[in-house]
Every structure is written in structure tokens, then in C-alpha cells.
Protein backbone atom coordinates (compact mmCIF):
# COMPACT_ATOMS: atom_id res chain seq x y z
CA MET A 1 28.49 -149.86 -23.52
CA LYS A 2 30.87 -151.80 -21.29
CA PHE A 3 33.27 -149.48 -19.24
CA THR A 4 36.49 -150.15 -18.11
CA TYR A 5 38.35 -148.48 -15.78
CA ALA A 6 41.89 -147.17 -15.74
CA GLU A 7 43.70 -147.40 -12.32
CA GLY A 8 42.34 -145.31 -9.72
CA ALA A 9 39.31 -144.56 -11.61
CA THR A 10 36.18 -144.34 -9.62
CA PRO A 11 33.61 -146.67 -11.10
CA LEU A 12 30.13 -144.88 -12.18
CA THR A 13 26.63 -146.13 -10.16
CA ASN A 14 24.22 -147.42 -12.93
CA ASP A 15 22.13 -144.05 -12.49
CA GLU A 16 25.13 -141.97 -13.43
CA ILE A 17 25.78 -144.31 -16.65
CA PHE A 18 22.45 -143.93 -17.35
CA ASN A 19 23.10 -139.97 -17.73
CA LEU A 20 25.61 -140.62 -20.17
CA ILE A 21 24.67 -137.89 -23.13
CA PRO A 22 25.49 -139.15 -26.20
CA LYS A 23 23.69 -142.73 -26.70
CA HIS A 24 25.72 -143.36 -29.91
CA LEU A 25 28.90 -144.55 -28.15
CA SER A 26 29.34 -148.18 -27.90
CA LEU A 27 33.07 -148.39 -26.60
CA GLN A 28 35.42 -147.62 -23.73
CA LYS A 29 37.72 -146.05 -26.29
CA GLU A 30 34.57 -144.00 -27.96
CA LEU A 31 34.24 -142.31 -24.14
CA ASP A 32 37.39 -141.83 -23.96
CA GLU A 33 37.80 -139.36 -26.68
CA TRP A 34 34.48 -137.99 -26.79
CA GLU A 35 35.40 -136.73 -23.14
CA TYR A 36 38.76 -135.51 -24.20
CA ILE A 37 37.12 -133.39 -26.97
CA ASN A 38 34.56 -131.73 -24.26
CA ILE A 39 37.67 -131.32 -21.69
CA LEU A 40 39.64 -129.52 -24.71
CA GLN A 41 36.69 -127.18 -25.26
CA ALA A 42 36.40 -126.44 -21.40
CA GLU A 43 40.32 -125.54 -21.25
CA GLN A 44 39.83 -123.33 -24.35
CA TRP A 45 36.61 -121.46 -21.95
CA ALA A 46 38.69 -121.61 -18.95
CA PHE A 47 41.89 -119.98 -19.96
CA ARG A 48 40.26 -116.91 -21.94
CA LYS A 49 38.24 -115.97 -18.84
CA PRO A 50 39.45 -113.43 -15.94
CA TYR A 51 40.26 -115.50 -12.74
CA LYS A 52 38.07 -113.64 -10.52
CA GLY A 53 36.29 -116.06 -8.41
CA LEU A 54 38.68 -118.74 -9.27
CA LEU A 55 39.11 -120.03 -5.93
CA THR A 56 35.29 -120.85 -5.03
CA VAL A 57 32.98 -123.52 -4.75
CA PRO A 58 30.68 -122.17 -7.28
CA PHE A 59 33.53 -121.98 -9.62
CA ILE A 60 34.99 -125.53 -9.42
CA GLN A 61 30.95 -126.37 -10.07
CA LYS A 62 31.13 -124.57 -13.45
CA LEU A 63 34.30 -125.70 -14.41
CA HIS A 64 33.37 -129.24 -13.93
CA LYS A 65 30.07 -128.84 -16.08
CA LYS A 66 31.79 -127.33 -18.83
CA MET A 67 34.45 -130.14 -18.88
CA PHE A 68 31.91 -132.44 -19.15
CA ASP A 69 28.65 -130.74 -20.08
CA LYS A 70 28.38 -132.76 -23.67
CA THR A 71 29.05 -136.21 -21.97
CA TRP A 72 27.09 -136.47 -18.75
CA LYS A 73 24.12 -135.01 -17.20
CA TRP A 74 25.09 -134.83 -13.72
CA ALA A 75 28.16 -132.46 -14.89
CA GLY A 76 29.07 -130.02 -12.45
CA GLN A 77 27.03 -131.74 -9.57
CA PHE A 78 28.66 -132.80 -6.64
CA ARG A 79 28.41 -136.76 -5.92
CA LYS A 80 25.47 -137.93 -3.90
CA HIS A 81 26.77 -141.04 -2.61
CA GLN A 82 30.40 -142.53 -1.34
CA THR A 83 33.04 -144.15 -3.64
CA ASN A 84 36.03 -146.27 -3.13
CA VAL A 85 38.19 -142.81 -2.36
CA GLY A 86 37.07 -139.12 -1.64
CA ILE A 87 35.71 -137.67 1.56
CA GLU A 88 31.93 -138.23 2.96
CA TRP A 89 29.87 -136.66 0.12
CA ALA A 90 27.55 -134.66 2.92
CA LEU A 91 31.03 -133.10 3.75
CA ILE A 92 32.01 -131.86 -0.29
CA PRO A 93 30.37 -128.34 0.05
CA ILE A 94 32.28 -127.87 3.52
CA GLU A 95 35.60 -129.01 2.58
CA LEU A 96 35.69 -127.07 -0.48
CA GLN A 97 35.38 -124.14 1.16
CA LYS A 98 37.88 -124.70 3.35
CA LEU A 99 40.31 -125.46 0.97
CA ALA A 100 39.55 -122.32 -0.75
CA ASP A 101 40.30 -120.56 2.63
CA ASP A 102 43.21 -122.41 3.29
CA VAL A 103 44.93 -121.41 0.00
CA ALA A 104 43.78 -118.01 0.28
CA PHE A 105 45.39 -118.11 3.36
CA GLN A 106 48.72 -119.60 2.11
CA LEU A 107 48.99 -117.34 -0.53
CA LYS A 108 48.58 -114.23 1.87
CA ASN A 109 50.96 -115.29 4.35
CA LYS A 110 53.46 -116.80 1.88
CA SER A 111 53.68 -119.98 3.95
CA LEU A 112 54.84 -122.12 0.83
CA PRO A 113 56.00 -121.68 -2.45
CA ILE A 114 53.42 -121.19 -4.88
CA ARG A 115 54.24 -124.08 -7.33
CA GLU A 116 53.44 -126.13 -3.79
CA ILE A 117 50.46 -124.26 -2.83
CA ALA A 118 49.46 -124.81 -6.31
CA VAL A 119 50.09 -128.81 -6.17
CA ARG A 120 48.91 -129.17 -2.66
CA LEU A 121 45.09 -127.61 -4.25
CA HIS A 122 45.62 -130.22 -6.68
CA HIS A 123 46.04 -132.96 -4.40
CA ARG A 124 43.43 -132.14 -1.95
CA LEU A 125 40.93 -131.68 -4.57
CA VAL A 126 41.60 -134.95 -5.59
CA PHE A 127 41.21 -136.35 -2.27
CA ILE A 128 37.90 -134.37 -1.65
CA HIS A 129 36.77 -135.96 -5.17
CA PRO A 130 33.46 -133.78 -5.35
CA PHE A 131 32.36 -135.73 -8.33
CA PRO A 132 30.91 -138.70 -9.66
CA ASN A 133 33.74 -138.90 -11.84
CA GLY A 134 36.60 -136.49 -13.78
CA ASN A 135 38.28 -135.60 -10.98
CA GLY A 136 41.85 -135.63 -11.66
CA GLY A 137 41.24 -133.68 -14.62
CA LEU A 138 39.33 -131.18 -12.98
CA SER A 139 42.10 -130.57 -10.21
CA ARG A 140 44.88 -130.69 -12.81
CA LEU A 141 43.24 -127.92 -14.64
CA MET A 142 42.26 -126.22 -11.25
CA ALA A 143 46.13 -125.98 -10.41
CA ASP A 144 46.97 -124.75 -13.45
CA LEU A 145 44.46 -122.11 -13.97
CA PHE A 146 45.62 -121.34 -10.41
CA LEU A 147 49.10 -120.73 -11.38
CA GLU A 148 48.33 -118.73 -14.79
CA SER A 149 45.83 -116.38 -12.43
CA LEU A 150 49.05 -115.47 -11.01
CA ASN A 151 51.18 -115.21 -14.20
CA GLU A 152 52.87 -118.70 -13.87
CA PRO A 153 53.56 -121.30 -16.13
CA ARG A 154 51.37 -124.36 -16.22
CA PHE A 155 52.60 -127.97 -14.82
CA LEU A 156 53.63 -130.83 -17.17
CA TRP A 157 51.93 -133.48 -15.67
CA GLY A 158 54.37 -136.46 -16.39
CA ARG A 159 54.38 -134.79 -20.23
CA GLU A 160 51.76 -137.29 -21.13
CA PRO A 161 47.86 -137.33 -21.30
CA LEU A 162 46.88 -139.55 -18.11
CA VAL A 163 43.59 -141.24 -19.14
CA SER A 164 44.33 -144.40 -19.55
CA ASP A 165 46.51 -147.24 -18.10
CA SER A 166 49.78 -146.01 -19.36
CA ILE A 167 53.39 -145.75 -17.15
CA THR A 168 52.83 -142.23 -16.65
CA ARG A 169 49.20 -142.85 -15.29
CA LYS A 170 50.15 -145.36 -12.60
CA LYS A 171 53.40 -143.42 -11.80
CA TYR A 172 51.06 -140.68 -11.16
CA ILE A 173 48.29 -142.54 -8.89
CA SER A 174 51.68 -143.43 -6.96
CA VAL A 175 52.88 -140.22 -6.09
CA LEU A 176 49.32 -139.25 -5.45
CA LYS A 177 49.24 -141.76 -2.74
CA GLU A 178 52.46 -140.75 -1.02
CA ALA A 179 51.20 -137.50 -1.30
CA ASP A 180 48.19 -138.65 0.62
CA LYS A 181 50.95 -139.81 3.31
CA GLY A 182 52.02 -136.32 3.84
CA ASN A 183 54.99 -136.76 1.24
CA PHE A 184 54.60 -134.16 -1.87
CA ILE A 185 58.40 -133.94 -3.35
CA ASN A 186 57.33 -136.67 -5.78
CA LEU A 187 53.83 -135.14 -6.66
CA ILE A 188 55.99 -131.75 -6.78
CA ASN A 189 58.55 -133.11 -9.20
CA PHE A 190 55.65 -135.52 -11.72
CA ALA A 191 53.70 -132.26 -11.92
CA GLU A 192 57.16 -130.03 -12.80
CA GLY A 193 57.30 -132.81 -15.85
CA SER A 194 60.66 -134.28 -13.79
CA SER A 195 60.98 -138.22 -13.19
CA ASP A 196 63.33 -137.52 -10.72
CA GLU A 197 62.31 -139.48 -7.05
CA LYS A 198 63.69 -138.05 -3.84
């Protein structure tokens, strides 16, 4: 199978590719569709569950496993090498715990509006990049679960799927890069479904 990667996607190592579960797939489009169905099943599971323990390292791993358990043997396992994005791989569990603690602190002290806390949770999870692949989808789902746990509506995330090299995905990557520099307003607007830039 020849892998093609959308802008901003992390290329997989040969070892990671070897651990593809459905061996009958031969096209990237088929893999994308397979992953999409796997993710939809995980979303159904996640939104049916009570929200206790949402902001924990074990839940983040379990959610990723549910999202990709029919696609990759390494689903739910942290990456073990450096990638083109993300923090030093050995620091992943520590940084995820810091993220969970920071979000709990922000929520308790009402230091930011809830929806901004959710966007920042999403951004930092993408930045940490804990898994070999699927970090963007995981981070968006985590933000939506966080909102639902507080009786807030989910985000719209640009109103389109973000799996291929669409204009919407290019916009998403662009606003993520702005957030890397501390400017979150356009990422917030994108998450809310607005295309207005400020």
C-alpha cells in the first residue's frame, strides 16, 4: 500500500505501517474510509459514557485505542520515537498529566471561558502529539467530550471533515500554527464554525 499524507499529517514509520490490522486495503482512500468508520464507532462509545475521569492519561489512551482498535495494532500506545511535530516522546505521559492538571485548574478558577479552555485543550494535545497518528481527531474529540461534560454544545470544527487536503484542512493547519505562537482567536473561530479572521 502506498501512503499519502494530508498537509500537517505525521508520516508513519515502516514498523507502524506493518501493524496495520486490515491487510486487504490497498489504497489510501480505503484506509481513510476504514479509519473514519472506526472513529465513528469510538464517538458513539464515548458520548454514551459518563464523563468521570475524562481528563486523565488513561482515558486519553483508551479513547485513542477505541478510535483505532480495528485499524492499528498500536492504537492507544504512545509513540516511541521523535516525529516531525510533537514534544520529545519520553515526556509524553508527564506533559499529558500537566495538561490535565492545567485544565482542571482553569476550570476550577474560571480563569478562561469554558469554550476557550476546550480549544486550548485541543491545541495542546495536538502539540504534545502523543500517538504515531490520529492526534488531530483525538484532540478534537477530547475537546467535544470536555464541552459535553459541562453541558456545552460541541464545536463545529470548520463544518467539514478534516481528513484530506481540503481548503478546510489547510485553514485548520494554518490556525493551529497561529495558536502555536499564542494567537488562539482564529482557532476558536474555526472551532465554532466561523471563517472570520481577526
